Amino acid sequence: MKRLLSLIFVLLCCNFSQAQSDTYLTFEFMGVDNSQEPFYMETENFWEKIHEQRVASDDIIGWDLWRLLPGGEDQGYQYLTVTIFDSPLKMMRAGDGILESAKMAYPDLSDEEIDNRINLAGSSRNLAVRLFIKVMDRTVGKFEMKPGMILSMDLMKVKEGQQDSYEKAEMESTKSMYQKHVDSGAMGEWQLLKVLLPEGTDSYTSHISVNMFDNWEQHMKSMNFKPGLTAEQQKKMSSGISNRELKWVYKAELVKMVRK
């Protein structure tokens, strides 16, 4: 019995250690009326300083603000914020310490003024969708994110019971294709994301594929790049793609980012 308990303890520690080394994201899709755009940008300017303090306190790794395209009021959402964590626990307890970070960011404001500013932020946008996400895999390279860069994001729903085979196909075959894009300079980075919450048959998306580019020129040129997959790689990739439904494609431009 003691040996069994010791083994369980070791396995739990290993799993927790692995989780700590992974990357987790919170996606928040914002609906912003055209008339509210200036007010919304003021709101994000206010929050940017708070996020800088959260990064300094190691509560988060980083934070991004993306402008979504097409972005029309009747075409989905207009903005996306991404908060980056180094553990699932920090992601699930993201609200802890925000008030303290706000006080450090704005030492000249009273507690009441900070509360008012935080509460007022909600009136500038509709936080319509929040997703809790794990980064499953990514290409290898020296790509550095910077404001003005471009992102192409595919929201997908994988068939029930096919998630493992789909992820395997993406990480073994699709990744290989995009690694050739990266190595040739046709793109900056590819990532496969898995939506942890919400989940279930009624959830809109289960996985997100992300392609990153330095600018629009690189993005346009990448469309003509031929990676030359083997017949076996093409077969595996096609098999994986058949297990999912492409729900929506967004293009996005990075407006702001916070890192150490």
C-alpha atoms as a PDB file:
ATOM      1  CA  MET A   1       0.000   0.000   0.000  1.00  0.00           C
ATOM      2  CA  LYS A   2       2.824   2.417   0.872  1.00  0.00           C
ATOM      3  CA  ARG A   3       4.476   1.722  -2.486  1.00  0.00           C
ATOM      4  CA  LEU A   4       1.172   2.384  -4.277  1.00  0.00           C
ATOM      5  CA  LEU A   5       0.632   5.678  -2.429  1.00  0.00           C
ATOM      6  CA  SER A   6       4.206   6.707  -3.196  1.00  0.00           C
ATOM      7  CA  LEU A   7       3.688   5.928  -6.889  1.00  0.00           C
ATOM      8  CA  ILE A   8       0.453   7.953  -7.000  1.00  0.00           C
ATOM      9  CA  PHE A   9       2.222  10.891  -5.322  1.00  0.00           C
ATOM     10  CA  VAL A  10       5.065  10.787  -7.861  1.00  0.00           C
ATOM     11  CA  LEU A  11       2.608  10.678 -10.785  1.00  0.00           C
ATOM     12  CA  LEU A  12       0.641  13.626  -9.424  1.00  0.00           C
ATOM     13  CA  CYS A  13       3.822  15.646  -8.969  1.00  0.00           C
ATOM     14  CA  CYS A  14       4.948  14.828 -12.510  1.00  0.00           C
ATOM     15  CA  ASN A  15       1.576  15.814 -13.973  1.00  0.00           C
ATOM     16  CA  PHE A  16       1.542  19.080 -12.041  1.00  0.00           C
ATOM     17  CA  SER A  17       5.104  19.835 -13.127  1.00  0.00           C
ATOM     18  CA  GLN A  18       4.122  19.244 -16.757  1.00  0.00           C
ATOM     19  CA  ALA A  19       1.077  21.526 -16.387  1.00  0.00           C
ATOM     20  CA  GLN A  20       3.315  24.233 -14.956  1.00  0.00           C
ATOM     21  CA  SER A  21       5.529  24.161 -18.080  1.00  0.00           C
ATOM     22  CA  ASP A  22       2.593  24.450 -20.488  1.00  0.00           C
ATOM     23  CA  THR A  23       0.991  27.644 -21.761  1.00  0.00           C
ATOM     24  CA  TYR A  24      -2.633  28.549 -21.058  1.00  0.00           C
ATOM     25  CA  LEU A  25      -4.704  31.343 -22.548  1.00  0.00           C
ATOM     26  CA  THR A  26      -7.927  33.175 -21.875  1.00  0.00           C
ATOM     27  CA  PHE A  27      -9.609  34.483 -25.038  1.00  0.00           C
ATOM     28  CA  GLU A  28     -12.210  37.210 -24.518  1.00  0.00           C
ATOM     29  CA  PHE A  29     -14.174  38.224 -27.611  1.00  0.00           C
ATOM     30  CA  MET A  30     -15.544  41.773 -27.441  1.00  0.00           C
ATOM     31  CA  GLY A  31     -18.487  43.297 -29.211  1.00  0.00           C
ATOM     32  CA  VAL A  32     -17.881  47.033 -29.640  1.00  0.00           C
ATOM     33  CA  ASP A  33     -20.326  49.416 -31.325  1.00  0.00           C
ATOM     34  CA  ASN A  34     -18.788  51.822 -33.823  1.00  0.00           C
ATOM     35  CA  SER A  35     -19.830  54.758 -31.635  1.00  0.00           C
ATOM     36  CA  GLN A  36     -18.040  53.203 -28.645  1.00  0.00           C
ATOM     37  CA  GLU A  37     -14.642  52.652 -30.299  1.00  0.00           C
ATOM     38  CA  PRO A  38     -12.895  55.723 -28.779  1.00  0.00           C
ATOM     39  CA  PHE A  39     -14.276  54.923 -25.316  1.00  0.00           C
ATOM     40  CA  TYR A  40     -13.269  51.275 -25.684  1.00  0.00           C
ATOM     41  CA  MET A  41      -9.681  52.185 -26.576  1.00  0.00           C
ATOM     42  CA  GLU A  42      -9.530  54.446 -23.493  1.00  0.00           C
ATOM     43  CA  THR A  43     -10.694  51.453 -21.465  1.00  0.00           C
ATOM     44  CA  GLU A  44      -7.940  49.207 -22.830  1.00  0.00           C
ATOM     45  CA  ASN A  45      -5.346  51.952 -22.288  1.00  0.00           C
ATOM     46  CA  PHE A  46      -6.430  51.997 -18.639  1.00  0.00           C
ATOM     47  CA  TRP A  47      -6.231  48.206 -18.348  1.00  0.00           C
ATOM     48  CA  GLU A  48      -2.880  48.010 -20.141  1.00  0.00           C
ATOM     49  CA  LYS A  49      -1.085  49.543 -17.139  1.00  0.00           C
ATOM     50  CA  ILE A  50      -2.826  47.101 -14.801  1.00  0.00           C
ATOM     51  CA  HIS A  51      -1.701  44.184 -16.968  1.00  0.00           C
ATOM     52  CA  GLU A  52       1.871  45.509 -16.832  1.00  0.00           C
ATOM     53  CA  GLN A  53       1.706  45.206 -13.051  1.00  0.00           C
ATOM     54  CA  ARG A  54       0.190  41.717 -13.297  1.00  0.00           C
ATOM     55  CA  VAL A  55       3.132  40.649 -15.477  1.00  0.00           C
ATOM     56  CA  ALA A  56       5.609  42.215 -13.032  1.00  0.00           C
ATOM     57  CA  SER A  57       3.945  40.263 -10.202  1.00  0.00           C
ATOM     58  CA  ASP A  58       4.115  36.991 -12.204  1.00  0.00           C
ATOM     59  CA  ASP A  59       0.324  36.648 -12.093  1.00  0.00           C
ATOM     60  CA  ILE A  60       0.326  36.445 -15.897  1.00  0.00           C
ATOM     61  CA  ILE A  61       2.940  35.997 -18.630  1.00  0.00           C
ATOM     62  CA  GLY A  62       1.432  38.573 -20.947  1.00  0.00           C
ATOM     63  CA  TRP A  63      -1.621  40.230 -22.450  1.00  0.00           C
ATOM     64  CA  ASP A  64      -2.610  41.127 -26.037  1.00  0.00           C
ATOM     65  CA  LEU A  65      -5.286  43.250 -27.687  1.00  0.00           C
ATOM     66  CA  TRP A  66      -6.268  42.256 -31.238  1.00  0.00           C
ATOM     67  CA  ARG A  67      -8.490  44.090 -33.741  1.00  0.00           C
ATOM     68  CA  LEU A  68     -10.590  41.462 -35.540  1.00  0.00           C
ATOM     69  CA  LEU A  69     -11.483  41.461 -39.224  1.00  0.00           C
ATOM     70  CA  PRO A  70     -13.920  41.651 -40.905  1.00  0.00           C
ATOM     71  CA  GLY A  71     -15.203  43.163 -37.657  1.00  0.00           C
ATOM     72  CA  GLY A  72     -18.502  44.615 -38.864  1.00  0.00           C
ATOM     73  CA  GLU A  73     -21.195  44.939 -36.202  1.00  0.00           C
ATOM     74  CA  ASP A  74     -23.149  42.094 -37.829  1.00  0.00           C
ATOM     75  CA  GLN A  75     -20.049  39.942 -38.507  1.00  0.00           C
ATOM     76  CA  GLY A  76     -19.063  38.498 -35.157  1.00  0.00           C
ATOM     77  CA  TYR A  77     -16.838  40.425 -32.769  1.00  0.00           C
ATOM     78  CA  GLN A  78     -14.612  43.453 -33.192  1.00  0.00           C
ATOM     79  CA  TYR A  79     -11.820  42.888 -30.650  1.00  0.00           C
ATOM     80  CA  LEU A  80     -10.115  40.020 -28.864  1.00  0.00           C
ATOM     81  CA  THR A  81      -8.024  40.147 -25.696  1.00  0.00           C
ATOM     82  CA  VAL A  82      -5.654  37.286 -24.909  1.00  0.00           C
ATOM     83  CA  THR A  83      -4.250  36.770 -21.416  1.00  0.00           C
ATOM     84  CA  ILE A  84      -1.340  34.330 -21.110  1.00  0.00           C
ATOM     85  CA  PHE A  85      -0.620  32.121 -18.099  1.00  0.00           C
ATOM     86  CA  ASP A  86       2.016  29.559 -17.152  1.00  0.00           C
ATOM     87  CA  SER A  87      -0.353  27.333 -15.157  1.00  0.00           C
ATOM     88  CA  PRO A  88      -4.020  26.299 -15.274  1.00  0.00           C
ATOM     89  CA  LEU A  89      -4.477  27.368 -11.650  1.00  0.00           C
ATOM     90  CA  LYS A  90      -3.452  30.940 -12.430  1.00  0.00           C
ATOM     91  CA  MET A  91      -5.806  30.935 -15.408  1.00  0.00           C
ATOM     92  CA  MET A  92      -8.775  29.786 -13.335  1.00  0.00           C
ATOM     93  CA  ARG A  93      -7.989  32.305 -10.576  1.00  0.00           C
ATOM     94  CA  ALA A  94      -7.196  35.185 -12.903  1.00  0.00           C
ATOM     95  CA  GLY A  95      -9.216  37.676 -10.851  1.00  0.00           C
ATOM     96  CA  ASP A  96      -6.977  37.277  -7.813  1.00  0.00           C
ATOM     97  CA  GLY A  97      -4.715  40.253  -7.296  1.00  0.00           C
ATOM     98  CA  ILE A  98      -6.247  42.505  -9.965  1.00  0.00           C
ATOM     99  CA  LEU A  99      -7.279  45.175  -7.463  1.00  0.00           C
ATOM    100  CA  GLU A 100      -3.780  45.179  -5.939  1.00  0.00           C
ATOM    101  CA  SER A 101      -2.254  45.488  -9.424  1.00  0.00           C
ATOM    102  CA  ALA A 102      -4.611  48.388 -10.189  1.00  0.00           C
ATOM    103  CA  LYS A 103      -3.517  50.207  -7.030  1.00  0.00           C
ATOM    104  CA  MET A 104       0.138  49.784  -8.008  1.00  0.00           C
ATOM    105  CA  ALA A 105      -0.578  50.970 -11.549  1.00  0.00           C
ATOM    106  CA  TYR A 106      -2.528  54.031 -10.354  1.00  0.00           C
ATOM    107  CA  PRO A 107      -1.154  55.020  -6.927  1.00  0.00           C
ATOM    108  CA  ASP A 108      -2.695  58.502  -7.192  1.00  0.00           C
ATOM    109  CA  LEU A 109      -6.250  57.149  -7.482  1.00  0.00           C
ATOM    110  CA  SER A 110      -8.354  56.305  -4.450  1.00  0.00           C
ATOM    111  CA  ASP A 111      -9.867  52.849  -4.017  1.00  0.00           C
ATOM    112  CA  GLU A 112     -13.264  54.284  -4.925  1.00  0.00           C
ATOM    113  CA  GLU A 113     -11.916  55.901  -8.090  1.00  0.00           C
ATOM    114  CA  ILE A 114     -10.271  52.632  -9.155  1.00  0.00           C
ATOM    115  CA  ASP A 115     -13.492  50.698  -8.515  1.00  0.00           C
ATOM    116  CA  ASN A 116     -15.435  53.237 -10.581  1.00  0.00           C
ATOM    117  CA  ARG A 117     -12.979  53.016 -13.470  1.00  0.00           C
ATOM    118  CA  ILE A 118     -13.050  49.208 -13.456  1.00  0.00           C
ATOM    119  CA  ASN A 119     -16.854  49.114 -13.311  1.00  0.00           C
ATOM    120  CA  LEU A 120     -17.141  51.785 -16.001  1.00  0.00           C
ATOM    121  CA  ALA A 121     -15.026  49.683 -18.363  1.00  0.00           C
ATOM    122  CA  GLY A 122     -17.907  47.277 -18.852  1.00  0.00           C
ATOM    123  CA  SER A 123     -20.069  49.917 -20.518  1.00  0.00           C
ATOM    124  CA  SER A 124     -17.591  50.379 -23.391  1.00  0.00           C
ATOM    125  CA  ARG A 125     -17.990  46.844 -24.757  1.00  0.00           C
ATOM    126  CA  ASN A 126     -19.907  43.613 -24.561  1.00  0.00           C
ATOM    127  CA  LEU A 127     -17.689  40.793 -23.333  1.00  0.00           C
ATOM    128  CA  ALA A 128     -19.586  38.219 -25.353  1.00  0.00           C
ATOM    129  CA  VAL A 129     -17.458  35.056 -25.211  1.00  0.00           C
ATOM    130  CA  ARG A 130     -14.725  33.820 -22.874  1.00  0.00           C
ATOM    131  CA  LEU A 131     -12.677  30.697 -23.678  1.00  0.00           C
ATOM    132  CA  PHE A 132     -10.176  28.883 -21.458  1.00  0.00           C
ATOM    133  CA  ILE A 133      -7.488  27.399 -23.695  1.00  0.00           C
ATOM    134  CA  LYS A 134      -4.357  25.241 -23.655  1.00  0.00           C
ATOM    135  CA  VAL A 135      -1.609  25.560 -26.277  1.00  0.00           C
ATOM    136  CA  MET A 136      -1.251  22.000 -27.591  1.00  0.00           C
ATOM    137  CA  ASP A 137       1.613  22.474 -30.048  1.00  0.00           C
ATOM    138  CA  ARG A 138       3.499  25.078 -32.066  1.00  0.00           C
ATOM    139  CA  THR A 139       6.188  25.366 -34.689  1.00  0.00           C
ATOM    140  CA  VAL A 140       9.804  26.119 -33.781  1.00  0.00           C
ATOM    141  CA  GLY A 141      11.402  29.413 -34.809  1.00  0.00           C
ATOM    142  CA  LYS A 142      12.576  32.863 -33.785  1.00  0.00           C
ATOM    143  CA  PHE A 143       9.362  34.727 -34.491  1.00  0.00           C
ATOM    144  CA  GLU A 144       8.783  37.753 -32.256  1.00  0.00           C
ATOM    145  CA  MET A 145       5.362  39.269 -31.822  1.00  0.00           C
ATOM    146  CA  LYS A 146       4.998  43.024 -32.212  1.00  0.00           C
ATOM    147  CA  PRO A 147       2.116  45.508 -32.679  1.00  0.00           C
ATOM    148  CA  GLY A 148       0.996  45.617 -36.304  1.00  0.00           C
ATOM    149  CA  MET A 149       1.587  41.902 -36.946  1.00  0.00           C
ATOM    150  CA  ILE A 150      -1.180  39.827 -38.528  1.00  0.00           C
ATOM    151  CA  LEU A 151      -2.915  36.681 -37.304  1.00  0.00           C
ATOM    152  CA  SER A 152      -5.184  34.241 -39.120  1.00  0.00           C
ATOM    153  CA  MET A 153      -7.366  32.226 -36.748  1.00  0.00           C
ATOM    154  CA  ASP A 154      -9.562  29.233 -37.634  1.00  0.00           C
ATOM    155  CA  LEU A 155     -12.263  28.299 -35.118  1.00  0.00           C
ATOM    156  CA  MET A 156     -13.110  24.608 -35.456  1.00  0.00           C
ATOM    157  CA  LYS A 157     -15.469  22.080 -33.910  1.00  0.00           C
ATOM    158  CA  VAL A 158     -14.145  18.512 -33.838  1.00  0.00           C
ATOM    159  CA  LYS A 159     -16.579  15.608 -34.006  1.00  0.00           C
ATOM    160  CA  GLU A 160     -17.480  13.944 -30.714  1.00  0.00           C
ATOM    161  CA  GLY A 161     -15.021  11.158 -29.872  1.00  0.00           C
ATOM    162  CA  GLN A 162     -12.523  12.218 -32.568  1.00  0.00           C
ATOM    163  CA  GLN A 163     -10.482  14.780 -30.636  1.00  0.00           C
ATOM    164  CA  ASP A 164      -7.468  12.562 -29.954  1.00  0.00           C
ATOM    165  CA  SER A 165      -7.128  11.424 -33.577  1.00  0.00           C
ATOM    166  CA  TYR A 166      -7.679  14.977 -34.824  1.00  0.00           C
ATOM    167  CA  GLU A 167      -5.013  16.428 -32.530  1.00  0.00           C
ATOM    168  CA  LYS A 168      -2.573  13.672 -33.524  1.00  0.00           C
ATOM    169  CA  ALA A 169      -3.064  14.430 -37.213  1.00  0.00           C
ATOM    170  CA  GLU A 170      -2.586  18.167 -36.656  1.00  0.00           C
ATOM    171  CA  MET A 171       0.548  17.750 -34.529  1.00  0.00           C
ATOM    172  CA  GLU A 172       2.166  15.099 -36.740  1.00  0.00           C
ATOM    173  CA  SER A 173       1.231  16.265 -40.247  1.00  0.00           C
ATOM    174  CA  THR A 174      -0.181  19.797 -40.306  1.00  0.00           C
ATOM    175  CA  LYS A 175       2.601  21.026 -38.034  1.00  0.00           C
ATOM    176  CA  SER A 176       5.168  19.576 -40.444  1.00  0.00           C
ATOM    177  CA  MET A 177       3.627  21.556 -43.298  1.00  0.00           C
ATOM    178  CA  TYR A 178       3.637  24.818 -41.366  1.00  0.00           C
ATOM    179  CA  GLN A 179       7.149  24.213 -40.056  1.00  0.00           C
ATOM    180  CA  LYS A 180       8.274  24.325 -43.688  1.00  0.00           C
ATOM    181  CA  HIS A 181       6.414  27.639 -44.040  1.00  0.00           C
ATOM    182  CA  VAL A 182       8.280  28.975 -41.001  1.00  0.00           C
ATOM    183  CA  ASP A 183      11.675  27.665 -42.106  1.00  0.00           C
ATOM    184  CA  SER A 184      11.251  29.273 -45.536  1.00  0.00           C
ATOM    185  CA  GLY A 185      10.191  32.636 -44.098  1.00  0.00           C
ATOM    186  CA  ALA A 186       6.653  32.329 -45.480  1.00  0.00           C
ATOM    187  CA  MET A 187       5.144  32.788 -42.019  1.00  0.00           C
ATOM    188  CA  GLY A 188       6.149  33.449 -38.425  1.00  0.00           C
ATOM    189  CA  GLU A 189       4.487  30.750 -36.336  1.00  0.00           C
ATOM    190  CA  TRP A 190       1.696  28.145 -36.225  1.00  0.00           C
ATOM    191  CA  GLN A 191      -0.114  27.044 -33.078  1.00  0.00           C
ATOM    192  CA  LEU A 192      -2.788  24.479 -32.272  1.00  0.00           C
ATOM    193  CA  LEU A 193      -5.039  25.479 -29.373  1.00  0.00           C
ATOM    194  CA  LYS A 194      -7.512  23.324 -27.467  1.00  0.00           C
ATOM    195  CA  VAL A 195     -10.552  24.879 -25.799  1.00  0.00           C
ATOM    196  CA  LEU A 196     -10.808  23.527 -22.242  1.00  0.00           C
ATOM    197  CA  LEU A 197     -13.943  25.474 -21.295  1.00  0.00           C
ATOM    198  CA  PRO A 198     -16.706  25.699 -22.311  1.00  0.00           C
ATOM    199  CA  GLU A 199     -17.059  22.106 -23.481  1.00  0.00           C
ATOM    200  CA  GLY A 200     -19.869  19.834 -24.599  1.00  0.00           C
ATOM    201  CA  THR A 201     -22.004  19.248 -27.676  1.00  0.00           C
ATOM    202  CA  ASP A 202     -23.430  22.784 -27.619  1.00  0.00           C
ATOM    203  CA  SER A 203     -20.057  24.549 -27.429  1.00  0.00           C
ATOM    204  CA  TYR A 204     -19.260  26.548 -30.570  1.00  0.00           C
ATOM    205  CA  THR A 205     -15.597  25.625 -30.969  1.00  0.00           C
ATOM    206  CA  SER A 206     -13.285  22.933 -29.582  1.00  0.00           C
ATOM    207  CA  HIS A 207      -9.985  23.806 -31.290  1.00  0.00           C
ATOM    208  CA  ILE A 208      -8.357  26.879 -32.803  1.00  0.00           C
ATOM    209  CA  SER A 209      -5.580  26.946 -35.381  1.00  0.00           C
ATOM    210  CA  VAL A 210      -3.465  30.112 -35.352  1.00  0.00           C
ATOM    211  CA  ASN A 211      -1.119  31.348 -38.105  1.00  0.00           C
ATOM    212  CA  MET A 212       1.068  34.376 -37.329  1.00  0.00           C
ATOM    213  CA  PHE A 213       2.701  36.746 -39.828  1.00  0.00           C
ATOM    214  CA  ASP A 214       4.953  39.797 -39.643  1.00  0.00           C
ATOM    215  CA  ASN A 215       2.627  41.811 -41.878  1.00  0.00           C
ATOM    216  CA  TRP A 216      -0.015  41.592 -44.601  1.00  0.00           C
ATOM    217  CA  GLU A 217       2.647  41.190 -47.302  1.00  0.00           C
ATOM    218  CA  GLN A 218       4.010  38.017 -45.705  1.00  0.00           C
ATOM    219  CA  HIS A 219       0.482  36.713 -45.177  1.00  0.00           C
ATOM    220  CA  MET A 220      -0.415  37.200 -48.858  1.00  0.00           C
ATOM    221  CA  LYS A 221       2.815  35.594 -50.074  1.00  0.00           C
ATOM    222  CA  SER A 222       2.266  32.568 -47.824  1.00  0.00           C
ATOM    223  CA  MET A 223      -0.849  31.650 -49.820  1.00  0.00           C
ATOM    224  CA  ASN A 224       1.358  30.735 -52.800  1.00  0.00           C
ATOM    225  CA  PHE A 225       3.898  28.694 -50.819  1.00  0.00           C
ATOM    226  CA  LYS A 226       3.932  24.963 -51.652  1.00  0.00           C
ATOM    227  CA  PRO A 227       5.361  22.941 -48.725  1.00  0.00           C
ATOM    228  CA  GLY A 228       5.659  19.654 -50.640  1.00  0.00           C
ATOM    229  CA  LEU A 229       4.150  17.155 -48.201  1.00  0.00           C
ATOM    230  CA  THR A 230       4.700  13.460 -48.777  1.00  0.00           C
ATOM    231  CA  ALA A 231       1.719  11.360 -49.836  1.00  0.00           C
ATOM    232  CA  GLU A 232       1.588   9.823 -46.341  1.00  0.00           C
ATOM    233  CA  GLN A 233       1.653  13.235 -44.633  1.00  0.00           C
ATOM    234  CA  GLN A 234      -1.066  14.514 -46.954  1.00  0.00           C
ATOM    235  CA  LYS A 235      -3.188  11.442 -46.193  1.00  0.00           C
ATOM    236  CA  LYS A 236      -2.853  11.913 -42.428  1.00  0.00           C
ATOM    237  CA  MET A 237      -3.609  15.628 -42.644  1.00  0.00           C
ATOM    238  CA  SER A 238      -6.687  15.044 -44.821  1.00  0.00           C
ATOM    239  CA  SER A 239      -7.901  12.394 -42.391  1.00  0.00           C
ATOM    240  CA  GLY A 240      -7.545  14.793 -39.461  1.00  0.00           C
ATOM    241  CA  ILE A 241      -9.289  17.647 -41.262  1.00  0.00           C
ATOM    242  CA  SER A 242     -12.252  15.396 -42.058  1.00  0.00           C
ATOM    243  CA  ASN A 243     -12.946  15.111 -38.317  1.00  0.00           C
ATOM    244  CA  ARG A 244     -13.665  18.784 -37.818  1.00  0.00           C
ATOM    245  CA  GLU A 245     -15.995  21.514 -39.024  1.00  0.00           C
ATOM    246  CA  LEU A 246     -14.537  24.919 -39.809  1.00  0.00           C
ATOM    247  CA  LYS A 247     -16.886  27.302 -37.969  1.00  0.00           C
ATOM    248  CA  TRP A 248     -15.350  30.743 -38.557  1.00  0.00           C
ATOM    249  CA  VAL A 249     -12.151  32.405 -39.763  1.00  0.00           C
ATOM    250  CA  TYR A 250     -10.869  35.658 -38.320  1.00  0.00           C
ATOM    251  CA  LYS A 251      -8.010  37.828 -39.455  1.00  0.00           C
ATOM    252  CA  ALA A 252      -6.595  40.074 -36.758  1.00  0.00           C
ATOM    253  CA  GLU A 253      -4.073  42.851 -36.248  1.00  0.00           C
ATOM    254  CA  LEU A 254      -2.158  43.171 -32.987  1.00  0.00           C
ATOM    255  CA  VAL A 255      -2.944  46.554 -31.419  1.00  0.00           C
ATOM    256  CA  LYS A 256      -1.230  46.265 -28.013  1.00  0.00           C
ATOM    257  CA  MET A 257       0.831  43.734 -26.114  1.00  0.00           C
ATOM    258  CA  VAL A 258       2.357  43.468 -22.646  1.00  0.00           C
ATOM    259  CA  ARG A 259       5.367  41.266 -21.829  1.00  0.00           C
ATOM    260  CA  LYS A 260       8.318  41.421 -19.448  1.00  0.00           C
END
